[in-house]
Amino acid sequence: MNCQETKILLSEYLDRELSCEVRTAVRRHLAGCLDCADECRKLQKSIKLLKKFKKLRVPRDYSRTLFYRKKKAG
């Protein structure tokens, strides 16, 4: 597995959505590639930060209201 393939699979790797075989290949690549391992750590850190945010609930008619306000504004 090369760097390009690994970087494409990082999100799925961290979410544990890969097959055992592919997950092992990614893990091996990360063990031997400092750049990809760093990229993986950065992605993990970003995911942890995003999980701290509260989920906002948007009112059902929000998009319709926004559309009409934009249309009215010009």
N, C-alpha and C. Protein backbone atom coordinates (compact mmCIF):
# COMPACT_ATOMS: atom_id res chain seq x y z
N MET A 1 0.85 -1.17 0.00
CA MET A 1 0.00 0.00 0.00
C MET A 1 0.90 1.23 0.00
N ASN A 2 0.53 2.23 -0.82
CA ASN A 2 1.33 3.45 -0.89
C ASN A 2 0.64 4.59 -0.13
N CYS A 3 1.30 5.74 -0.10
CA CYS A 3 0.78 6.88 0.67
C CYS A 3 -0.57 7.37 0.15
N GLN A 4 -0.71 7.46 -1.15
CA GLN A 4 -1.96 7.94 -1.73
C GLN A 4 -3.13 7.02 -1.35
N GLU A 5 -2.94 5.74 -1.48
CA GLU A 5 -3.98 4.77 -1.12
C GLU A 5 -4.31 4.87 0.37
N THR A 6 -3.29 4.98 1.18
CA THR A 6 -3.48 5.04 2.63
C THR A 6 -4.28 6.28 3.02
N LYS A 7 -3.88 7.43 2.48
CA LYS A 7 -4.57 8.68 2.84
C LYS A 7 -6.04 8.66 2.43
N ILE A 8 -6.34 8.02 1.33
CA ILE A 8 -7.74 7.90 0.89
C ILE A 8 -8.54 7.06 1.88
N LEU A 9 -7.89 6.10 2.51
CA LEU A 9 -8.58 5.16 3.40
C LEU A 9 -8.56 5.57 4.88
N LEU A 10 -7.90 6.67 5.23
CA LEU A 10 -7.74 7.01 6.65
C LEU A 10 -9.06 7.17 7.40
N SER A 11 -10.01 7.85 6.83
CA SER A 11 -11.30 8.03 7.52
C SER A 11 -11.98 6.70 7.79
N GLU A 12 -12.01 5.85 6.78
CA GLU A 12 -12.61 4.54 6.95
C GLU A 12 -11.82 3.70 7.95
N TYR A 13 -10.51 3.86 7.94
CA TYR A 13 -9.65 3.14 8.88
C TYR A 13 -10.00 3.54 10.32
N LEU A 14 -10.08 4.84 10.56
CA LEU A 14 -10.39 5.33 11.90
C LEU A 14 -11.81 4.98 12.33
N ASP A 15 -12.72 4.88 11.39
CA ASP A 15 -14.11 4.51 11.69
C ASP A 15 -14.30 2.99 11.74
N ARG A 16 -13.23 2.25 11.51
CA ARG A 16 -13.26 0.78 11.53
C ARG A 16 -14.24 0.21 10.50
N GLU A 17 -14.22 0.79 9.33
CA GLU A 17 -15.12 0.36 8.25
C GLU A 17 -14.42 -0.47 7.19
N LEU A 18 -13.14 -0.74 7.37
CA LEU A 18 -12.38 -1.51 6.38
C LEU A 18 -12.39 -2.99 6.71
N SER A 19 -12.20 -3.79 5.69
CA SER A 19 -12.05 -5.22 5.91
C SER A 19 -10.77 -5.46 6.71
N CYS A 20 -10.67 -6.59 7.33
CA CYS A 20 -9.51 -6.93 8.14
C CYS A 20 -8.23 -6.85 7.31
N GLU A 21 -8.29 -7.34 6.09
CA GLU A 21 -7.12 -7.35 5.21
C GLU A 21 -6.65 -5.93 4.88
N VAL A 22 -7.59 -5.07 4.52
CA VAL A 22 -7.23 -3.70 4.15
C VAL A 22 -6.78 -2.92 5.39
N ARG A 23 -7.47 -3.14 6.49
CA ARG A 23 -7.10 -2.48 7.75
C ARG A 23 -5.66 -2.84 8.15
N THR A 24 -5.29 -4.09 7.99
CA THR A 24 -3.94 -4.54 8.29
C THR A 24 -2.92 -3.87 7.37
N ALA A 25 -3.26 -3.74 6.10
CA ALA A 25 -2.36 -3.09 5.14
C ALA A 25 -2.16 -1.62 5.50
N VAL A 26 -3.23 -0.94 5.88
CA VAL A 26 -3.13 0.46 6.29
C VAL A 26 -2.27 0.57 7.55
N ARG A 27 -2.54 -0.29 8.53
CA ARG A 27 -1.79 -0.28 9.79
C ARG A 27 -0.29 -0.48 9.53
N ARG A 28 0.04 -1.41 8.66
CA ARG A 28 1.46 -1.66 8.33
C ARG A 28 2.10 -0.45 7.67
N HIS A 29 1.34 0.17 6.77
CA HIS A 29 1.88 1.36 6.10
C HIS A 29 2.11 2.47 7.12
N LEU A 30 1.16 2.68 8.00
CA LEU A 30 1.29 3.73 9.02
C LEU A 30 2.48 3.48 9.94
N ALA A 31 2.76 2.22 10.21
CA ALA A 31 3.89 1.86 11.08
C ALA A 31 5.23 2.22 10.44
N GLY A 32 5.27 2.25 9.11
CA GLY A 32 6.53 2.52 8.43
C GLY A 32 6.63 3.86 7.73
N CYS A 33 5.57 4.66 7.81
CA CYS A 33 5.55 5.94 7.09
C CYS A 33 5.21 7.07 8.05
N LEU A 34 6.20 7.87 8.37
CA LEU A 34 5.97 8.96 9.33
C LEU A 34 4.98 10.00 8.81
N ASP A 35 5.02 10.30 7.52
CA ASP A 35 4.10 11.30 6.97
C ASP A 35 2.64 10.86 7.09
N CYS A 36 2.38 9.63 6.72
CA CYS A 36 1.01 9.12 6.80
C CYS A 36 0.56 8.95 8.25
N ALA A 37 1.47 8.51 9.11
CA ALA A 37 1.14 8.37 10.53
C ALA A 37 0.79 9.73 11.12
N ASP A 38 1.52 10.78 10.72
CA ASP A 38 1.24 12.13 11.18
C ASP A 38 -0.12 12.59 10.67
N GLU A 39 -0.40 12.30 9.41
CA GLU A 39 -1.70 12.65 8.83
C GLU A 39 -2.83 11.95 9.59
N CYS A 40 -2.62 10.72 9.96
CA CYS A 40 -3.61 9.95 10.69
C CYS A 40 -3.84 10.57 12.08
N ARG A 41 -2.77 10.96 12.76
CA ARG A 41 -2.90 11.60 14.08
C ARG A 41 -3.65 12.92 13.98
N LYS A 42 -3.36 13.70 12.93
CA LYS A 42 -4.06 14.97 12.73
C LYS A 42 -5.55 14.74 12.50
N LEU A 43 -5.88 13.74 11.72
CA LEU A 43 -7.28 13.42 11.46
C LEU A 43 -7.98 12.97 12.74
N GLN A 44 -7.30 12.13 13.53
CA GLN A 44 -7.87 11.69 14.81
C GLN A 44 -8.13 12.88 15.72
N LYS A 45 -7.20 13.80 15.77
CA LYS A 45 -7.33 14.99 16.61
C LYS A 45 -8.52 15.84 16.15
N SER A 46 -8.65 16.01 14.84
CA SER A 46 -9.77 16.78 14.28
C SER A 46 -11.10 16.14 14.62
N ILE A 47 -11.17 14.83 14.51
CA ILE A 47 -12.40 14.11 14.82
C ILE A 47 -12.77 14.30 16.28
N LYS A 48 -11.80 14.21 17.18
CA LYS A 48 -12.06 14.41 18.61
C LYS A 48 -12.57 15.82 18.88
N LEU A 49 -11.98 16.81 18.23
CA LEU A 49 -12.44 18.19 18.41
C LEU A 49 -13.87 18.38 17.91
N LEU A 50 -14.17 17.81 16.75
CA LEU A 50 -15.51 17.95 16.19
C LEU A 50 -16.57 17.28 17.05
N LYS A 51 -16.22 16.18 17.70
CA LYS A 51 -17.18 15.48 18.55
C LYS A 51 -17.55 16.27 19.79
N LYS A 52 -16.73 17.26 20.15
CA LYS A 52 -17.02 18.09 21.32
C LYS A 52 -18.12 19.10 21.05
N PHE A 53 -18.35 19.42 19.78
CA PHE A 53 -19.40 20.38 19.45
C PHE A 53 -20.77 19.77 19.61
N LYS A 54 -21.69 20.56 20.08
CA LYS A 54 -23.07 20.10 20.19
C LYS A 54 -23.70 20.08 18.81
N LYS A 55 -24.56 19.12 18.61
CA LYS A 55 -25.30 19.06 17.37
C LYS A 55 -26.44 20.07 17.45
N LEU A 56 -26.58 20.85 16.40
CA LEU A 56 -27.64 21.84 16.36
C LEU A 56 -28.82 21.29 15.59
N ARG A 57 -29.97 21.59 16.09
CA ARG A 57 -31.19 21.20 15.38
C ARG A 57 -31.70 22.42 14.62
N VAL A 58 -31.88 22.24 13.34
CA VAL A 58 -32.36 23.31 12.49
C VAL A 58 -33.87 23.15 12.33
N PRO A 59 -34.61 24.24 12.49
CA PRO A 59 -36.07 24.15 12.31
C PRO A 59 -36.42 23.61 10.93
N ARG A 60 -37.51 22.90 10.84
CA ARG A 60 -37.91 22.27 9.57
C ARG A 60 -38.04 23.27 8.43
N ASP A 61 -38.55 24.44 8.71
CA ASP A 61 -38.78 25.42 7.64
C ASP A 61 -37.59 26.36 7.43
N TYR A 62 -36.46 26.04 8.00
CA TYR A 62 -35.30 26.92 7.91
C TYR A 62 -34.88 27.18 6.47
N SER A 63 -34.74 26.15 5.67
CA SER A 63 -34.28 26.34 4.29
C SER A 63 -35.29 27.15 3.48
N ARG A 64 -36.58 26.93 3.72
CA ARG A 64 -37.60 27.69 3.00
C ARG A 64 -37.54 29.17 3.40
N THR A 65 -37.40 29.43 4.70
CA THR A 65 -37.31 30.80 5.19
C THR A 65 -36.07 31.49 4.63
N LEU A 66 -34.96 30.79 4.63
CA LEU A 66 -33.72 31.34 4.10
C LEU A 66 -33.86 31.65 2.61
N PHE A 67 -34.48 30.75 1.88
CA PHE A 67 -34.70 30.95 0.45
C PHE A 67 -35.52 32.21 0.20
N TYR A 68 -36.62 32.39 0.92
CA TYR A 68 -37.48 33.56 0.71
C TYR A 68 -36.79 34.84 1.14
N ARG A 69 -36.01 34.80 2.19
CA ARG A 69 -35.29 36.01 2.61
C ARG A 69 -34.26 36.40 1.56
N LYS A 70 -33.59 35.42 1.00
CA LYS A 70 -32.60 35.70 -0.03
C LYS A 70 -33.27 36.24 -1.28
N LYS A 71 -34.38 35.66 -1.65
CA LYS A 71 -35.13 36.09 -2.82
C LYS A 71 -35.64 37.53 -2.64
N LYS A 72 -36.11 37.82 -1.44
CA LYS A 72 -36.64 39.16 -1.13
C LYS A 72 -35.52 40.21 -1.15
N ALA A 73 -34.31 39.82 -0.69
CA ALA A 73 -33.19 40.74 -0.63
C ALA A 73 -32.63 41.08 -2.02
N GLY A 74 -32.91 40.26 -2.96
CA GLY A 74 -32.46 40.60 -4.30
C GLY A 74 -31.67 39.57 -4.94
